[in-house]
Amino acid sequence: MNGSSNECEAERAGTLHCAVGRKGLQEIESQWDKRVTAVVVIKADETRKKIGGENNTGALLDKRPGTIEPLTYVRGLCRVALAAGVRVFTQIEVIAASDTASR
């Protein structure tokens, strides 16, 4: 699409897989693939700063995932589709659907 990724509020903030207790932390550390540099184990104090609470003993931070704002994304797709001459229909009741691509 034309424009920046900010149009759909794209943000790559990552996900946390939190551990509770010593056993939880051991499980997190055993899942950690040190070859994937975008994934790191963080200590309990840093985990608490990110999410609050006192029960977490650490977390696996995967920096790869992100989010978008779905409505803004769809509006951007629609704008590009309309500019390309695609007809867009809204507020139409779907009464049936079929897979025509495999025919």
PDB file of N, CA and C in Angstrom:
ATOM      1  N   MET A   1       0.832  -1.174   0.000  1.00  0.00           N
ATOM      2  CA  MET A   1       0.000   0.000   0.000  1.00  0.00           C
ATOM      3  C   MET A   1       0.873   1.232   0.000  1.00  0.00           C
ATOM      4  N   ASN A   2       0.318   2.295  -0.512  1.00  0.00           N
ATOM      5  CA  ASN A   2       1.026   3.560  -0.454  1.00  0.00           C
ATOM      6  C   ASN A   2       0.929   4.109   0.953  1.00  0.00           C
ATOM      7  N   GLY A   3       1.971   4.760   1.411  1.00  0.00           N
ATOM      8  CA  GLY A   3       1.940   5.339   2.749  1.00  0.00           C
ATOM      9  C   GLY A   3       2.710   4.484   3.731  1.00  0.00           C
ATOM     10  N   SER A   4       2.693   4.951   4.957  1.00  0.00           N
ATOM     11  CA  SER A   4       3.465   4.262   5.993  1.00  0.00           C
ATOM     12  C   SER A   4       2.623   3.236   6.720  1.00  0.00           C
ATOM     13  N   SER A   5       3.305   2.399   7.481  1.00  0.00           N
ATOM     14  CA  SER A   5       2.593   1.388   8.262  1.00  0.00           C
ATOM     15  C   SER A   5       1.808   2.025   9.401  1.00  0.00           C
ATOM     16  N   ASN A   6       2.074   3.306   9.699  1.00  0.00           N
ATOM     17  CA  ASN A   6       1.327   3.991  10.752  1.00  0.00           C
ATOM     18  C   ASN A   6      -0.133   4.181  10.384  1.00  0.00           C
ATOM     19  N   GLU A   7      -0.460   4.058   9.097  1.00  0.00           N
ATOM     20  CA  GLU A   7      -1.841   4.213   8.676  1.00  0.00           C
ATOM     21  C   GLU A   7      -2.734   3.182   9.356  1.00  0.00           C
ATOM     22  N   CYS A   8      -2.219   2.017   9.657  1.00  0.00           N
ATOM     23  CA  CYS A   8      -3.019   1.000  10.342  1.00  0.00           C
ATOM     24  C   CYS A   8      -2.491   0.771  11.754  1.00  0.00           C
ATOM     25  N   GLU A   9      -1.748   1.745  12.259  1.00  0.00           N
ATOM     26  CA  GLU A   9      -1.213   1.707  13.612  1.00  0.00           C
ATOM     27  C   GLU A   9      -0.429   0.425  13.881  1.00  0.00           C
ATOM     28  N   ALA A  10       0.361   0.025  12.899  1.00  0.00           N
ATOM     29  CA  ALA A  10       1.175  -1.178  13.067  1.00  0.00           C
ATOM     30  C   ALA A  10       2.209  -0.947  14.152  1.00  0.00           C
ATOM     31  N   GLU A  11       2.311  -1.909  15.037  1.00  0.00           N
ATOM     32  CA  GLU A  11       3.260  -1.813  16.134  1.00  0.00           C
ATOM     33  C   GLU A  11       3.835  -3.193  16.414  1.00  0.00           C
ATOM     34  N   ARG A  12       5.147  -3.292  16.360  1.00  0.00           N
ATOM     35  CA  ARG A  12       5.810  -4.554  16.674  1.00  0.00           C
ATOM     36  C   ARG A  12       6.332  -4.464  18.098  1.00  0.00           C
ATOM     37  N   ALA A  13       5.453  -4.791  19.037  1.00  0.00           N
ATOM     38  CA  ALA A  13       5.806  -4.687  20.448  1.00  0.00           C
ATOM     39  C   ALA A  13       6.184  -6.033  21.045  1.00  0.00           C
ATOM     40  N   GLY A  14       5.871  -7.118  20.346  1.00  0.00           N
ATOM     41  CA  GLY A  14       6.221  -8.438  20.835  1.00  0.00           C
ATOM     42  C   GLY A  14       5.180  -9.021  21.781  1.00  0.00           C
ATOM     43  N   THR A  15       5.448 -10.226  22.231  1.00  0.00           N
ATOM     44  CA  THR A  15       4.576 -10.897  23.185  1.00  0.00           C
ATOM     45  C   THR A  15       5.414 -11.418  24.346  1.00  0.00           C
ATOM     46  N   LEU A  16       4.776 -11.499  25.498  1.00  0.00           N
ATOM     47  CA  LEU A  16       5.416 -12.052  26.685  1.00  0.00           C
ATOM     48  C   LEU A  16       4.766 -13.381  27.029  1.00  0.00           C
ATOM     49  N   HIS A  17       5.583 -14.367  27.299  1.00  0.00           N
ATOM     50  CA  HIS A  17       5.131 -15.666  27.789  1.00  0.00           C
ATOM     51  C   HIS A  17       5.666 -15.745  29.215  1.00  0.00           C
ATOM     52  N   CYS A  18       4.783 -15.485  30.168  1.00  0.00           N
ATOM     53  CA  CYS A  18       5.219 -15.282  31.554  1.00  0.00           C
ATOM     54  C   CYS A  18       5.355 -16.582  32.326  1.00  0.00           C
ATOM     55  N   ALA A  19       6.286 -16.556  33.260  1.00  0.00           N
ATOM     56  CA  ALA A  19       6.556 -17.707  34.120  1.00  0.00           C
ATOM     57  C   ALA A  19       6.137 -17.375  35.542  1.00  0.00           C
ATOM     58  N   VAL A  20       5.595 -18.386  36.228  1.00  0.00           N
ATOM     59  CA  VAL A  20       5.266 -18.260  37.649  1.00  0.00           C
ATOM     60  C   VAL A  20       6.003 -19.380  38.379  1.00  0.00           C
ATOM     61  N   GLY A  21       6.769 -18.995  39.374  1.00  0.00           N
ATOM     62  CA  GLY A  21       7.512 -19.965  40.165  1.00  0.00           C
ATOM     63  C   GLY A  21       8.779 -20.443  39.476  1.00  0.00           C
ATOM     64  N   ARG A  22       9.574 -21.161  40.231  1.00  0.00           N
ATOM     65  CA  ARG A  22      10.851 -21.667  39.707  1.00  0.00           C
ATOM     66  C   ARG A  22      10.626 -22.640  38.547  1.00  0.00           C
ATOM     67  N   LYS A  23       9.633 -23.528  38.696  1.00  0.00           N
ATOM     68  CA  LYS A  23       9.353 -24.498  37.634  1.00  0.00           C
ATOM     69  C   LYS A  23       8.887 -23.796  36.356  1.00  0.00           C
ATOM     70  N   GLY A  24       8.065 -22.755  36.499  1.00  0.00           N
ATOM     71  CA  GLY A  24       7.610 -21.993  35.333  1.00  0.00           C
ATOM     72  C   GLY A  24       8.764 -21.342  34.603  1.00  0.00           C
ATOM     73  N   LEU A  25       9.704 -20.794  35.368  1.00  0.00           N
ATOM     74  CA  LEU A  25      10.880 -20.169  34.764  1.00  0.00           C
ATOM     75  C   LEU A  25      11.737 -21.213  34.060  1.00  0.00           C
ATOM     76  N   GLN A  26      11.893 -22.395  34.659  1.00  0.00           N
ATOM     77  CA  GLN A  26      12.659 -23.466  34.019  1.00  0.00           C
ATOM     78  C   GLN A  26      12.013 -23.885  32.696  1.00  0.00           C
ATOM     79  N   GLU A  27      10.676 -23.946  32.667  1.00  0.00           N
ATOM     80  CA  GLU A  27       9.976 -24.296  31.421  1.00  0.00           C
ATOM     81  C   GLU A  27      10.216 -23.247  30.350  1.00  0.00           C
ATOM     82  N   ILE A  28      10.134 -21.966  30.736  1.00  0.00           N
ATOM     83  CA  ILE A  28      10.394 -20.877  29.789  1.00  0.00           C
ATOM     84  C   ILE A  28      11.811 -20.988  29.241  1.00  0.00           C
ATOM     85  N   GLU A  29      12.773 -21.174  30.127  1.00  0.00           N
ATOM     86  CA  GLU A  29      14.177 -21.241  29.707  1.00  0.00           C
ATOM     87  C   GLU A  29      14.431 -22.461  28.818  1.00  0.00           C
ATOM     88  N   SER A  30      13.727 -23.560  29.060  1.00  0.00           N
ATOM     89  CA  SER A  30      13.929 -24.752  28.230  1.00  0.00           C
ATOM     90  C   SER A  30      13.339 -24.574  26.825  1.00  0.00           C
ATOM     91  N   GLN A  31      12.356 -23.695  26.681  1.00  0.00           N
ATOM     92  CA  GLN A  31      11.745 -23.432  25.375  1.00  0.00           C
ATOM     93  C   GLN A  31      12.536 -22.411  24.566  1.00  0.00           C
ATOM     94  N   TRP A  32      13.422 -21.715  25.203  1.00  0.00           N
ATOM     95  CA  TRP A  32      14.150 -20.615  24.589  1.00  0.00           C
ATOM     96  C   TRP A  32      15.192 -21.131  23.616  1.00  0.00           C
ATOM     97  N   ASP A  33      15.065 -20.745  22.373  1.00  0.00           N
ATOM     98  CA  ASP A  33      16.050 -21.091  21.351  1.00  0.00           C
ATOM     99  C   ASP A  33      17.006 -19.914  21.225  1.00  0.00           C
ATOM    100  N   LYS A  34      18.187 -20.042  21.765  1.00  0.00           N
ATOM    101  CA  LYS A  34      19.149 -18.935  21.809  1.00  0.00           C
ATOM    102  C   LYS A  34      19.605 -18.478  20.424  1.00  0.00           C
ATOM    103  N   ARG A  35      19.332 -19.290  19.403  1.00  0.00           N
ATOM    104  CA  ARG A  35      19.714 -18.898  18.041  1.00  0.00           C
ATOM    105  C   ARG A  35      18.771 -17.845  17.472  1.00  0.00           C
ATOM    106  N   VAL A  36      17.561 -17.741  18.019  1.00  0.00           N
ATOM    107  CA  VAL A  36      16.588 -16.754  17.549  1.00  0.00           C
ATOM    108  C   VAL A  36      16.811 -15.482  18.356  1.00  0.00           C
ATOM    109  N   THR A  37      17.497 -14.517  17.768  1.00  0.00           N
ATOM    110  CA  THR A  37      17.912 -13.332  18.514  1.00  0.00           C
ATOM    111  C   THR A  37      16.762 -12.410  18.879  1.00  0.00           C
ATOM    112  N   ALA A  38      15.605 -12.562  18.251  1.00  0.00           N
ATOM    113  CA  ALA A  38      14.458 -11.719  18.580  1.00  0.00           C
ATOM    114  C   ALA A  38      13.697 -12.248  19.789  1.00  0.00           C
ATOM    115  N   VAL A  39      14.146 -13.357  20.362  1.00  0.00           N
ATOM    116  CA  VAL A  39      13.492 -13.954  21.532  1.00  0.00           C
ATOM    117  C   VAL A  39      14.502 -13.988  22.668  1.00  0.00           C
ATOM    118  N   VAL A  40      14.107 -13.414  23.803  1.00  0.00           N
ATOM    119  CA  VAL A  40      15.002 -13.360  24.956  1.00  0.00           C
ATOM    120  C   VAL A  40      14.241 -13.706  26.228  1.00  0.00           C
ATOM    121  N   VAL A  41      14.949 -14.257  27.198  1.00  0.00           N
ATOM    122  CA  VAL A  41      14.388 -14.478  28.531  1.00  0.00           C
ATOM    123  C   VAL A  41      14.682 -13.226  29.344  1.00  0.00           C
ATOM    124  N   ILE A  42      13.643 -12.695  29.978  1.00  0.00           N
ATOM    125  CA  ILE A  42      13.858 -11.518  30.826  1.00  0.00           C
ATOM    126  C   ILE A  42      13.629 -11.906  32.284  1.00  0.00           C
ATOM    127  N   LYS A  43      14.301 -11.207  33.171  1.00  0.00           N
ATOM    128  CA  LYS A  43      14.269 -11.494  34.597  1.00  0.00           C
ATOM    129  C   LYS A  43      12.948 -11.033  35.218  1.00  0.00           C
ATOM    130  N   ALA A  44      12.718 -11.465  36.433  1.00  0.00           N
ATOM    131  CA  ALA A  44      11.472 -11.174  37.146  1.00  0.00           C
ATOM    132  C   ALA A  44      11.221  -9.679  37.285  1.00  0.00           C
ATOM    133  N   ASP A  45      12.249  -8.899  37.657  1.00  0.00           N
ATOM    134  CA  ASP A  45      12.035  -7.465  37.871  1.00  0.00           C
ATOM    135  C   ASP A  45      11.630  -6.752  36.585  1.00  0.00           C
ATOM    136  N   GLU A  46      12.223  -7.126  35.457  1.00  0.00           N
ATOM    137  CA  GLU A  46      11.854  -6.505  34.183  1.00  0.00           C
ATOM    138  C   GLU A  46      10.447  -6.933  33.761  1.00  0.00           C
ATOM    139  N   THR A  47      10.098  -8.191  34.028  1.00  0.00           N
ATOM    140  CA  THR A  47       8.743  -8.674  33.726  1.00  0.00           C
ATOM    141  C   THR A  47       7.723  -7.886  34.533  1.00  0.00           C
ATOM    142  N   ARG A  48       7.998  -7.675  35.809  1.00  0.00           N
ATOM    143  CA  ARG A  48       7.080  -6.912  36.668  1.00  0.00           C
ATOM    144  C   ARG A  48       6.921  -5.474  36.188  1.00  0.00           C
ATOM    145  N   LYS A  49       8.006  -4.876  35.700  1.00  0.00           N
ATOM    146  CA  LYS A  49       7.920  -3.508  35.170  1.00  0.00           C
ATOM    147  C   LYS A  49       7.005  -3.455  33.945  1.00  0.00           C
ATOM    148  N   LYS A  50       7.017  -4.509  33.140  1.00  0.00           N
ATOM    149  CA  LYS A  50       6.217  -4.528  31.915  1.00  0.00           C
ATOM    150  C   LYS A  50       4.739  -4.803  32.177  1.00  0.00           C
ATOM    151  N   ILE A  51       4.433  -5.688  33.139  1.00  0.00           N
ATOM    152  CA  ILE A  51       3.031  -6.101  33.313  1.00  0.00           C
ATOM    153  C   ILE A  51       2.490  -5.928  34.723  1.00  0.00           C
ATOM    154  N   GLY A  52       3.323  -5.587  35.684  1.00  0.00           N
ATOM    155  CA  GLY A  52       2.858  -5.463  37.048  1.00  0.00           C
ATOM    156  C   GLY A  52       2.777  -6.815  37.725  1.00  0.00           C
ATOM    157  N   GLY A  53       2.238  -6.819  38.915  1.00  0.00           N
ATOM    158  CA  GLY A  53       2.092  -8.077  39.650  1.00  0.00           C
ATOM    159  C   GLY A  53       3.381  -8.491  40.325  1.00  0.00           C
ATOM    160  N   GLU A  54       3.248  -9.450  41.194  1.00  0.00           N
ATOM    161  CA  GLU A  54       4.401  -9.918  41.975  1.00  0.00           C
ATOM    162  C   GLU A  54       4.702 -11.391  41.758  1.00  0.00           C
ATOM    163  N   ASN A  55       3.846 -12.130  41.050  1.00  0.00           N
ATOM    164  CA  ASN A  55       3.986 -13.579  40.954  1.00  0.00           C
ATOM    165  C   ASN A  55       4.910 -14.061  39.842  1.00  0.00           C
ATOM    166  N   ASN A  56       5.248 -13.214  38.901  1.00  0.00           N
ATOM    167  CA  ASN A  56       6.031 -13.656  37.749  1.00  0.00           C
ATOM    168  C   ASN A  56       7.512 -13.726  38.090  1.00  0.00           C
ATOM    169  N   THR A  57       8.114 -14.846  37.733  1.00  0.00           N
ATOM    170  CA  THR A  57       9.536 -15.064  38.012  1.00  0.00           C
ATOM    171  C   THR A  57      10.407 -14.797  36.790  1.00  0.00           C
ATOM    172  N   GLY A  58       9.796 -14.382  35.706  1.00  0.00           N
ATOM    173  CA  GLY A  58      10.502 -14.083  34.472  1.00  0.00           C
ATOM    174  C   GLY A  58       9.550 -14.258  33.310  1.00  0.00           C
ATOM    175  N   ALA A  59      10.067 -14.055  32.112  1.00  0.00           N
ATOM    176  CA  ALA A  59       9.228 -14.210  30.923  1.00  0.00           C
ATOM    177  C   ALA A  59      10.099 -14.430  29.704  1.00  0.00           C
ATOM    178  N   LEU A  60       9.468 -14.992  28.706  1.00  0.00           N
ATOM    179  CA  LEU A  60      10.086 -15.130  27.397  1.00  0.00           C
ATOM    180  C   LEU A  60       9.510 -14.000  26.555  1.00  0.00           C
ATOM    181  N   LEU A  61      10.346 -13.084  26.098  1.00  0.00           N
ATOM    182  CA  LEU A  61       9.912 -11.950  25.284  1.00  0.00           C
ATOM    183  C   LEU A  61      10.248 -12.246  23.831  1.00  0.00           C
ATOM    184  N   ASP A  62       9.211 -12.385  23.023  1.00  0.00           N
ATOM    185  CA  ASP A  62       9.377 -12.594  21.580  1.00  0.00           C
ATOM    186  C   ASP A  62       9.072 -11.268  20.905  1.00  0.00           C
ATOM    187  N   LYS A  63      10.109 -10.619  20.372  1.00  0.00           N
ATOM    188  CA  LYS A  63       9.975  -9.277  19.792  1.00  0.00           C
ATOM    189  C   LYS A  63       9.406  -9.284  18.376  1.00  0.00           C
ATOM    190  N   ARG A  64       9.187 -10.474  17.796  1.00  0.00           N
ATOM    191  CA  ARG A  64       8.734 -10.539  16.400  1.00  0.00           C
ATOM    192  C   ARG A  64       7.266 -10.204  16.184  1.00  0.00           C
ATOM    193  N   PRO A  65       6.328 -10.683  17.013  1.00  0.00           N
ATOM    194  CA  PRO A  65       4.911 -10.423  16.744  1.00  0.00           C
ATOM    195  C   PRO A  65       4.550  -8.952  16.923  1.00  0.00           C
ATOM    196  N   GLY A  66       3.452  -8.598  16.317  1.00  0.00           N
ATOM    197  CA  GLY A  66       2.952  -7.239  16.440  1.00  0.00           C
ATOM    198  C   GLY A  66       1.451  -7.199  16.250  1.00  0.00           C
ATOM    199  N   THR A  67       0.926  -6.007  16.228  1.00  0.00           N
ATOM    200  CA  THR A  67      -0.510  -5.824  16.053  1.00  0.00           C
ATOM    201  C   THR A  67      -0.783  -4.720  15.044  1.00  0.00           C
ATOM    202  N   ILE A  68      -1.993  -4.735  14.527  1.00  0.00           N
ATOM    203  CA  ILE A  68      -2.480  -3.641  13.696  1.00  0.00           C
ATOM    204  C   ILE A  68      -3.866  -3.265  14.209  1.00  0.00           C
ATOM    205  N   GLU A  69      -4.341  -2.092  13.814  1.00  0.00           N
ATOM    206  CA  GLU A  69      -5.691  -1.674  14.145  1.00  0.00           C
ATOM    207  C   GLU A  69      -6.564  -2.146  12.988  1.00  0.00           C
ATOM    208  N   PRO A  70      -7.409  -3.170  13.190  1.00  0.00           N
ATOM    209  CA  PRO A  70      -8.126  -3.829  12.091  1.00  0.00           C
ATOM    210  C   PRO A  70      -8.997  -2.909  11.235  1.00  0.00           C
ATOM    211  N   LEU A  71      -9.766  -2.025  11.846  1.00  0.00           N
ATOM    212  CA  LEU A  71     -10.652  -1.164  11.057  1.00  0.00           C
ATOM    213  C   LEU A  71      -9.863  -0.222  10.158  1.00  0.00           C
ATOM    214  N   THR A  72      -8.808   0.369  10.679  1.00  0.00           N
ATOM    215  CA  THR A  72      -7.972   1.256   9.879  1.00  0.00           C
ATOM    216  C   THR A  72      -7.314   0.492   8.736  1.00  0.00           C
ATOM    217  N   TYR A  73      -6.884  -0.744   9.005  1.00  0.00           N
ATOM    218  CA  TYR A  73      -6.279  -1.590   7.975  1.00  0.00           C
ATOM    219  C   TYR A  73      -7.274  -1.885   6.857  1.00  0.00           C
ATOM    220  N   VAL A  74      -8.493  -2.271   7.230  1.00  0.00           N
ATOM    221  CA  VAL A  74      -9.518  -2.582   6.224  1.00  0.00           C
ATOM    222  C   VAL A  74      -9.866  -1.342   5.412  1.00  0.00           C
ATOM    223  N   ARG A  75      -9.958  -0.208   6.057  1.00  0.00           N
ATOM    224  CA  ARG A  75     -10.247   1.042   5.324  1.00  0.00           C
ATOM    225  C   ARG A  75      -9.136   1.348   4.326  1.00  0.00           C
ATOM    226  N   GLY A  76      -7.902   1.111   4.719  1.00  0.00           N
ATOM    227  CA  GLY A  76      -6.782   1.334   3.796  1.00  0.00           C
ATOM    228  C   GLY A  76      -6.832   0.378   2.616  1.00  0.00           C
ATOM    229  N   LEU A  77      -7.133  -0.896   2.870  1.00  0.00           N
ATOM    230  CA  LEU A  77      -7.276  -1.863   1.782  1.00  0.00           C
ATOM    231  C   LEU A  77      -8.392  -1.448   0.833  1.00  0.00           C
ATOM    232  N   CYS A  78      -9.501  -0.999   1.403  1.00  0.00           N
ATOM    233  CA  CYS A  78     -10.642  -0.571   0.596  1.00  0.00           C
ATOM    234  C   CYS A  78     -10.271   0.632  -0.266  1.00  0.00           C
ATOM    235  N   ARG A  79      -9.569   1.590   0.299  1.00  0.00           N
ATOM    236  CA  ARG A  79      -9.148   2.780  -0.441  1.00  0.00           C
ATOM    237  C   ARG A  79      -8.286   2.390  -1.642  1.00  0.00           C
ATOM    238  N   VAL A  80      -7.349   1.473  -1.430  1.00  0.00           N
ATOM    239  CA  VAL A  80      -6.471   1.023  -2.511  1.00  0.00           C
ATOM    240  C   VAL A  80      -7.271   0.239  -3.555  1.00  0.00           C
ATOM    241  N   ALA A  81      -8.180  -0.621  -3.098  1.00  0.00           N
ATOM    242  CA  ALA A  81      -9.010  -1.401  -4.025  1.00  0.00           C
ATOM    243  C   ALA A  81      -9.878  -0.486  -4.888  1.00  0.00           C
ATOM    244  N   LEU A  82     -10.499   0.497  -4.270  1.00  0.00           N
ATOM    245  CA  LEU A  82     -11.334   1.439  -5.030  1.00  0.00           C
ATOM    246  C   LEU A  82     -10.514   2.201  -6.060  1.00  0.00           C
ATOM    247  N   ALA A  83      -9.319   2.612  -5.679  1.00  0.00           N
ATOM    248  CA  ALA A  83      -8.436   3.333  -6.612  1.00  0.00           C
ATOM    249  C   ALA A  83      -8.034   2.458  -7.788  1.00  0.00           C
ATOM    250  N   ALA A  84      -8.031   1.118  -7.583  1.00  0.00           N
ATOM    251  CA  ALA A  84      -7.677   0.183  -8.655  1.00  0.00           C
ATOM    252  C   ALA A  84      -8.901  -0.226  -9.481  1.00  0.00           C
ATOM    253  N   GLY A  85     -10.077   0.325  -9.149  1.00  0.00           N
ATOM    254  CA  GLY A  85     -11.265   0.040  -9.936  1.00  0.00           C
ATOM    255  C   GLY A  85     -12.111  -1.116  -9.427  1.00  0.00           C
ATOM    256  N   VAL A  86     -11.815  -1.624  -8.249  1.00  0.00           N
ATOM    257  CA  VAL A  86     -12.594  -2.722  -7.682  1.00  0.00           C
ATOM    258  C   VAL A  86     -13.925  -2.177  -7.160  1.00  0.00           C
ATOM    259  N   ARG A  87     -14.989  -2.933  -7.359  1.00  0.00           N
ATOM    260  CA  ARG A  87     -16.288  -2.559  -6.798  1.00  0.00           C
ATOM    261  C   ARG A  87     -16.383  -3.135  -5.395  1.00  0.00           C
ATOM    262  N   VAL A  88     -16.752  -2.308  -4.449  1.00  0.00           N
ATOM    263  CA  VAL A  88     -16.863  -2.716  -3.052  1.00  0.00           C
ATOM    264  C   VAL A  88     -18.321  -2.588  -2.634  1.00  0.00           C
ATOM    265  N   PHE A  89     -18.859  -3.640  -2.060  1.00  0.00           N
ATOM    266  CA  PHE A  89     -20.243  -3.646  -1.606  1.00  0.00           C
ATOM    267  C   PHE A  89     -20.263  -3.714  -0.081  1.00  0.00           C
ATOM    268  N   THR A  90     -21.095  -2.901   0.542  1.00  0.00           N
ATOM    269  CA  THR A  90     -21.218  -2.904   2.001  1.00  0.00           C
ATOM    270  C   THR A  90     -22.675  -3.114   2.384  1.00  0.00           C
ATOM    271  N   GLN A  91     -22.882  -3.530   3.598  1.00  0.00           N
ATOM    272  CA  GLN A  91     -24.217  -3.745   4.167  1.00  0.00           C
ATOM    273  C   GLN A  91     -25.076  -4.651   3.280  1.00  0.00           C
ATOM    274  N   ILE A  92     -24.449  -5.682   2.725  1.00  0.00           N
ATOM    275  CA  ILE A  92     -25.140  -6.657   1.886  1.00  0.00           C
ATOM    276  C   ILE A  92     -25.251  -7.956   2.681  1.00  0.00           C
ATOM    277  N   GLU A  93     -26.444  -8.509   2.761  1.00  0.00           N
ATOM    278  CA  GLU A  93     -26.643  -9.764   3.465  1.00  0.00           C
ATOM    279  C   GLU A  93     -26.153 -10.925   2.606  1.00  0.00           C
ATOM    280  N   VAL A  94     -25.297 -11.749   3.164  1.00  0.00           N
ATOM    281  CA  VAL A  94     -24.810 -12.942   2.473  1.00  0.00           C
ATOM    282  C   VAL A  94     -25.787 -14.079   2.780  1.00  0.00           C
ATOM    283  N   ILE A  95     -26.368 -14.652   1.725  1.00  0.00           N
ATOM    284  CA  ILE A  95     -27.317 -15.753   1.942  1.00  0.00           C
ATOM    285  C   ILE A  95     -26.721 -17.089   1.535  1.00  0.00           C
ATOM    286  N   ALA A  96     -25.608 -17.060   0.794  1.00  0.00           N
ATOM    287  CA  ALA A  96     -24.931 -18.303   0.405  1.00  0.00           C
ATOM    288  C   ALA A  96     -23.521 -17.963  -0.063  1.00  0.00           C
ATOM    289  N   ALA A  97     -22.640 -18.948   0.040  1.00  0.00           N
ATOM    290  CA  ALA A  97     -21.261 -18.786  -0.444  1.00  0.00           C
ATOM    291  C   ALA A  97     -20.796 -20.112  -0.985  1.00  0.00           C
ATOM    292  N   SER A  98     -19.920 -20.061  -1.993  1.00  0.00           N
ATOM    293  CA  SER A  98     -19.372 -21.301  -2.523  1.00  0.00           C
ATOM    294  C   SER A  98     -17.935 -21.055  -2.971  1.00  0.00           C
ATOM    295  N   ASP A  99     -17.167 -22.129  -3.001  1.00  0.00           N
ATOM    296  CA  ASP A  99     -15.766 -22.065  -3.413  1.00  0.00           C
ATOM    297  C   ASP A  99     -15.703 -22.266  -4.915  1.00  0.00           C
ATOM    298  N   THR A 100     -15.475 -21.195  -5.647  1.00  0.00           N
ATOM    299  CA  THR A 100     -15.403 -21.288  -7.105  1.00  0.00           C
ATOM    300  C   THR A 100     -13.964 -21.406  -7.607  1.00  0.00           C
ATOM    301  N   ALA A 101     -13.002 -21.174  -6.736  1.00  0.00           N
ATOM    302  CA  ALA A 101     -11.604 -21.204  -7.151  1.00  0.00           C
ATOM    303  C   ALA A 101     -11.144 -22.622  -7.496  1.00  0.00           C
ATOM    304  N   SER A 102     -11.730 -23.625  -6.875  1.00  0.00           N
ATOM    305  CA  SER A 102     -11.286 -25.006  -7.112  1.00  0.00           C
ATOM    306  C   SER A 102     -11.978 -25.667  -8.283  1.00  0.00           C
ATOM    307  N   ARG A 103     -12.841 -24.969  -8.947  1.00  0.00           N
ATOM    308  CA  ARG A 103     -13.567 -25.550 -10.081  1.00  0.00           C
ATOM    309  C   ARG A 103     -12.785 -25.435 -11.362  1.00  0.00           C
TER     310      ARG A 103
END
